[in-house]
Amino acid sequence: MKIRTWDTVTVIAGKDKWTSGKVLKVFLKTNRILIEWVNVVTKHIKKQGTTPGQILKMEKAIDASNAMLLCSITQKPTRVGYVMIEEKGKNKKFRFSKKAAKDNKKEPKDCIIK
């Protein structure tokens, strides 16, 4: 999955289309992500013993294919690519913004997403 925890993403499909937020949690096995203030649902909790009943608002996970990473350079939704860069004698894999690389005609190593 190309989206990681604490990335800023934009929802591109569903009821919260074009809203953005930070990724709070990534569920790798089910390919779903939990985004801050996106897909908010109301949950009714029945009273149990001395605890009163209540109504909670909480976020639910959405499929990762319904979100795109926000480019830190252009502040627009972008696809993600990978580039290998040598650092201290070792090759490291970095993510880069395909939109910034195409629009600004830069090398992928100049468009690395932090």
C-alpha atoms as a PDB file:
ATOM      1  CA  MET A   1       0.000   0.000   0.000  1.00  0.00           C
ATOM      2  CA  LYS A   2       1.364   3.402  -0.949  1.00  0.00           C
ATOM      3  CA  ILE A   3      -0.374   5.312   1.852  1.00  0.00           C
ATOM      4  CA  ARG A   4       1.183   5.380   5.309  1.00  0.00           C
ATOM      5  CA  THR A   5       0.136   6.601   8.748  1.00  0.00           C
ATOM      6  CA  TRP A   6       0.230  10.429   9.169  1.00  0.00           C
ATOM      7  CA  ASP A   7       0.116  11.064   5.404  1.00  0.00           C
ATOM      8  CA  THR A   8      -2.310  13.749   4.243  1.00  0.00           C
ATOM      9  CA  VAL A   9      -4.794  12.315   1.745  1.00  0.00           C
ATOM     10  CA  THR A  10      -7.821  13.461  -0.258  1.00  0.00           C
ATOM     11  CA  VAL A  11     -10.906  11.280  -0.637  1.00  0.00           C
ATOM     12  CA  ILE A  12     -11.731  10.863  -4.341  1.00  0.00           C
ATOM     13  CA  ALA A  13     -14.883   8.720  -4.048  1.00  0.00           C
ATOM     14  CA  GLY A  14     -17.808   8.297  -1.663  1.00  0.00           C
ATOM     15  CA  LYS A  15     -19.934  10.594   0.467  1.00  0.00           C
ATOM     16  CA  ASP A  16     -16.950  12.670   1.647  1.00  0.00           C
ATOM     17  CA  LYS A  17     -15.527  13.261  -1.832  1.00  0.00           C
ATOM     18  CA  TRP A  18     -12.795  15.965  -2.051  1.00  0.00           C
ATOM     19  CA  THR A  19     -12.340  16.212   1.716  1.00  0.00           C
ATOM     20  CA  SER A  20      -8.835  15.777   3.050  1.00  0.00           C
ATOM     21  CA  GLY A  21      -7.346  14.718   6.339  1.00  0.00           C
ATOM     22  CA  LYS A  22      -4.533  12.847   8.047  1.00  0.00           C
ATOM     23  CA  VAL A  23      -4.382   9.062   8.019  1.00  0.00           C
ATOM     24  CA  LEU A  24      -4.773   7.837  11.597  1.00  0.00           C
ATOM     25  CA  LYS A  25      -4.403   4.106  10.989  1.00  0.00           C
ATOM     26  CA  VAL A  26      -3.650   1.753   8.097  1.00  0.00           C
ATOM     27  CA  PHE A  27      -5.177  -1.744   7.951  1.00  0.00           C
ATOM     28  CA  LEU A  28      -2.869  -3.693   5.609  1.00  0.00           C
ATOM     29  CA  LYS A  29      -4.781  -6.998   5.552  1.00  0.00           C
ATOM     30  CA  THR A  30      -8.084  -5.409   4.518  1.00  0.00           C
ATOM     31  CA  ASN A  31      -6.567  -2.564   2.419  1.00  0.00           C
ATOM     32  CA  ARG A  32      -8.468   0.090   4.374  1.00  0.00           C
ATOM     33  CA  ILE A  33      -7.433   3.370   6.015  1.00  0.00           C
ATOM     34  CA  LEU A  34      -8.870   5.458   8.839  1.00  0.00           C
ATOM     35  CA  ILE A  35      -8.851   9.197   8.070  1.00  0.00           C
ATOM     36  CA  GLU A  36      -9.419  12.006  10.544  1.00  0.00           C
ATOM     37  CA  TRP A  37     -12.981  13.459  10.275  1.00  0.00           C
ATOM     38  CA  VAL A  38     -13.879  11.395   7.187  1.00  0.00           C
ATOM     39  CA  ASN A  39     -16.732   8.838   7.019  1.00  0.00           C
ATOM     40  CA  VAL A  40     -18.120   9.929  10.398  1.00  0.00           C
ATOM     41  CA  VAL A  41     -20.984   7.704  11.597  1.00  0.00           C
ATOM     42  CA  THR A  42     -23.307   7.842  14.592  1.00  0.00           C
ATOM     43  CA  LYS A  43     -23.240   4.902  16.991  1.00  0.00           C
ATOM     44  CA  HIS A  44     -25.877   4.373  19.674  1.00  0.00           C
ATOM     45  CA  ILE A  45     -24.605   2.719  22.862  1.00  0.00           C
ATOM     46  CA  LYS A  46     -27.150   0.957  25.072  1.00  0.00           C
ATOM     47  CA  LYS A  47     -26.908   1.527  28.817  1.00  0.00           C
ATOM     48  CA  GLN A  48     -25.089  -1.192  30.723  1.00  0.00           C
ATOM     49  CA  GLY A  49     -25.453  -1.346  34.483  1.00  0.00           C
ATOM     50  CA  THR A  50     -24.657   2.075  35.910  1.00  0.00           C
ATOM     51  CA  THR A  51     -23.178   3.411  32.643  1.00  0.00           C
ATOM     52  CA  PRO A  52     -25.746   5.609  30.860  1.00  0.00           C
ATOM     53  CA  GLY A  53     -26.636   5.142  27.207  1.00  0.00           C
ATOM     54  CA  GLN A  54     -25.071   7.566  24.767  1.00  0.00           C
ATOM     55  CA  ILE A  55     -24.725   8.560  21.133  1.00  0.00           C
ATOM     56  CA  LEU A  56     -21.161   8.633  19.779  1.00  0.00           C
ATOM     57  CA  LYS A  57     -19.778  10.083  16.565  1.00  0.00           C
ATOM     58  CA  MET A  58     -16.818   8.113  15.260  1.00  0.00           C
ATOM     59  CA  GLU A  59     -14.803   7.639  12.059  1.00  0.00           C
ATOM     60  CA  LYS A  60     -14.977   4.387  10.133  1.00  0.00           C
ATOM     61  CA  ALA A  61     -12.324   3.067   7.762  1.00  0.00           C
ATOM     62  CA  ILE A  62     -12.624   3.514   3.991  1.00  0.00           C
ATOM     63  CA  ASP A  63     -10.965   1.566   1.204  1.00  0.00           C
ATOM     64  CA  ALA A  64      -7.494   2.796   0.331  1.00  0.00           C
ATOM     65  CA  SER A  65      -8.401   2.981  -3.372  1.00  0.00           C
ATOM     66  CA  ASN A  66     -10.848   5.800  -2.561  1.00  0.00           C
ATOM     67  CA  ALA A  67      -8.063   8.115  -1.357  1.00  0.00           C
ATOM     68  CA  MET A  68      -5.103   9.781  -3.040  1.00  0.00           C
ATOM     69  CA  LEU A  69      -1.996  11.167  -1.423  1.00  0.00           C
ATOM     70  CA  LEU A  70      -1.650  14.965  -1.367  1.00  0.00           C
ATOM     71  CA  CYS A  71       1.581  16.157  -2.946  1.00  0.00           C
ATOM     72  CA  SER A  72       3.629  18.266  -0.533  1.00  0.00           C
ATOM     73  CA  ILE A  73       4.927  20.370  -3.440  1.00  0.00           C
ATOM     74  CA  THR A  74       1.770  21.111  -5.477  1.00  0.00           C
ATOM     75  CA  GLN A  75      -0.876  20.500  -2.753  1.00  0.00           C
ATOM     76  CA  LYS A  76      -2.912  18.429  -5.248  1.00  0.00           C
ATOM     77  CA  PRO A  77      -3.874  14.733  -5.245  1.00  0.00           C
ATOM     78  CA  THR A  78      -1.153  12.682  -6.898  1.00  0.00           C
ATOM     79  CA  ARG A  79      -0.167   9.172  -7.794  1.00  0.00           C
ATOM     80  CA  VAL A  80       2.894   7.763  -6.082  1.00  0.00           C
ATOM     81  CA  GLY A  81       5.996   6.226  -7.612  1.00  0.00           C
ATOM     82  CA  TYR A  82       9.135   4.788  -6.108  1.00  0.00           C
ATOM     83  CA  VAL A  83      12.767   5.662  -6.776  1.00  0.00           C
ATOM     84  CA  MET A  84      15.943   4.077  -5.401  1.00  0.00           C
ATOM     85  CA  ILE A  85      18.541   6.563  -4.134  1.00  0.00           C
ATOM     86  CA  GLU A  86      21.960   5.689  -2.765  1.00  0.00           C
ATOM     87  CA  GLU A  87      22.595   7.063   0.723  1.00  0.00           C
ATOM     88  CA  LYS A  88      25.748   6.314   2.712  1.00  0.00           C
ATOM     89  CA  GLY A  89      26.607   3.379   0.464  1.00  0.00           C
ATOM     90  CA  LYS A  90      23.149   1.774   0.727  1.00  0.00           C
ATOM     91  CA  ASN A  91      20.212   1.948  -1.678  1.00  0.00           C
ATOM     92  CA  LYS A  92      17.042   3.334  -0.103  1.00  0.00           C
ATOM     93  CA  LYS A  93      13.542   3.321  -1.530  1.00  0.00           C
ATOM     94  CA  PHE A  94      11.699   6.670  -1.503  1.00  0.00           C
ATOM     95  CA  ARG A  95       8.209   7.707  -2.623  1.00  0.00           C
ATOM     96  CA  PHE A  96       7.890  10.531  -5.129  1.00  0.00           C
ATOM     97  CA  SER A  97       5.000  12.562  -6.530  1.00  0.00           C
ATOM     98  CA  LYS A  98       4.293  11.702 -10.149  1.00  0.00           C
ATOM     99  CA  LYS A  99       2.274  14.924 -10.591  1.00  0.00           C
ATOM    100  CA  ALA A 100       5.115  17.191  -9.439  1.00  0.00           C
ATOM    101  CA  ALA A 101       7.619  15.292 -11.571  1.00  0.00           C
ATOM    102  CA  LYS A 102       5.448  15.619 -14.686  1.00  0.00           C
ATOM    103  CA  ASP A 103       4.196  19.204 -14.244  1.00  0.00           C
ATOM    104  CA  ASN A 104       7.522  20.730 -13.217  1.00  0.00           C
ATOM    105  CA  LYS A 105       9.578  18.452 -15.499  1.00  0.00           C
ATOM    106  CA  LYS A 106      11.820  17.483 -12.608  1.00  0.00           C
ATOM    107  CA  GLU A 107      13.658  14.282 -11.838  1.00  0.00           C
ATOM    108  CA  PRO A 108      11.846  11.881  -9.455  1.00  0.00           C
ATOM    109  CA  LYS A 109      14.573  12.380  -6.839  1.00  0.00           C
ATOM    110  CA  ASP A 110      13.623  16.097  -6.688  1.00  0.00           C
ATOM    111  CA  CYS A 111       9.930  15.314  -5.939  1.00  0.00           C
ATOM    112  CA  ILE A 112      10.310  13.040  -2.911  1.00  0.00           C
ATOM    113  CA  ILE A 113       7.314  12.989  -0.558  1.00  0.00           C
ATOM    114  CA  LYS A 114       8.253  13.515   3.054  1.00  0.00           C
END
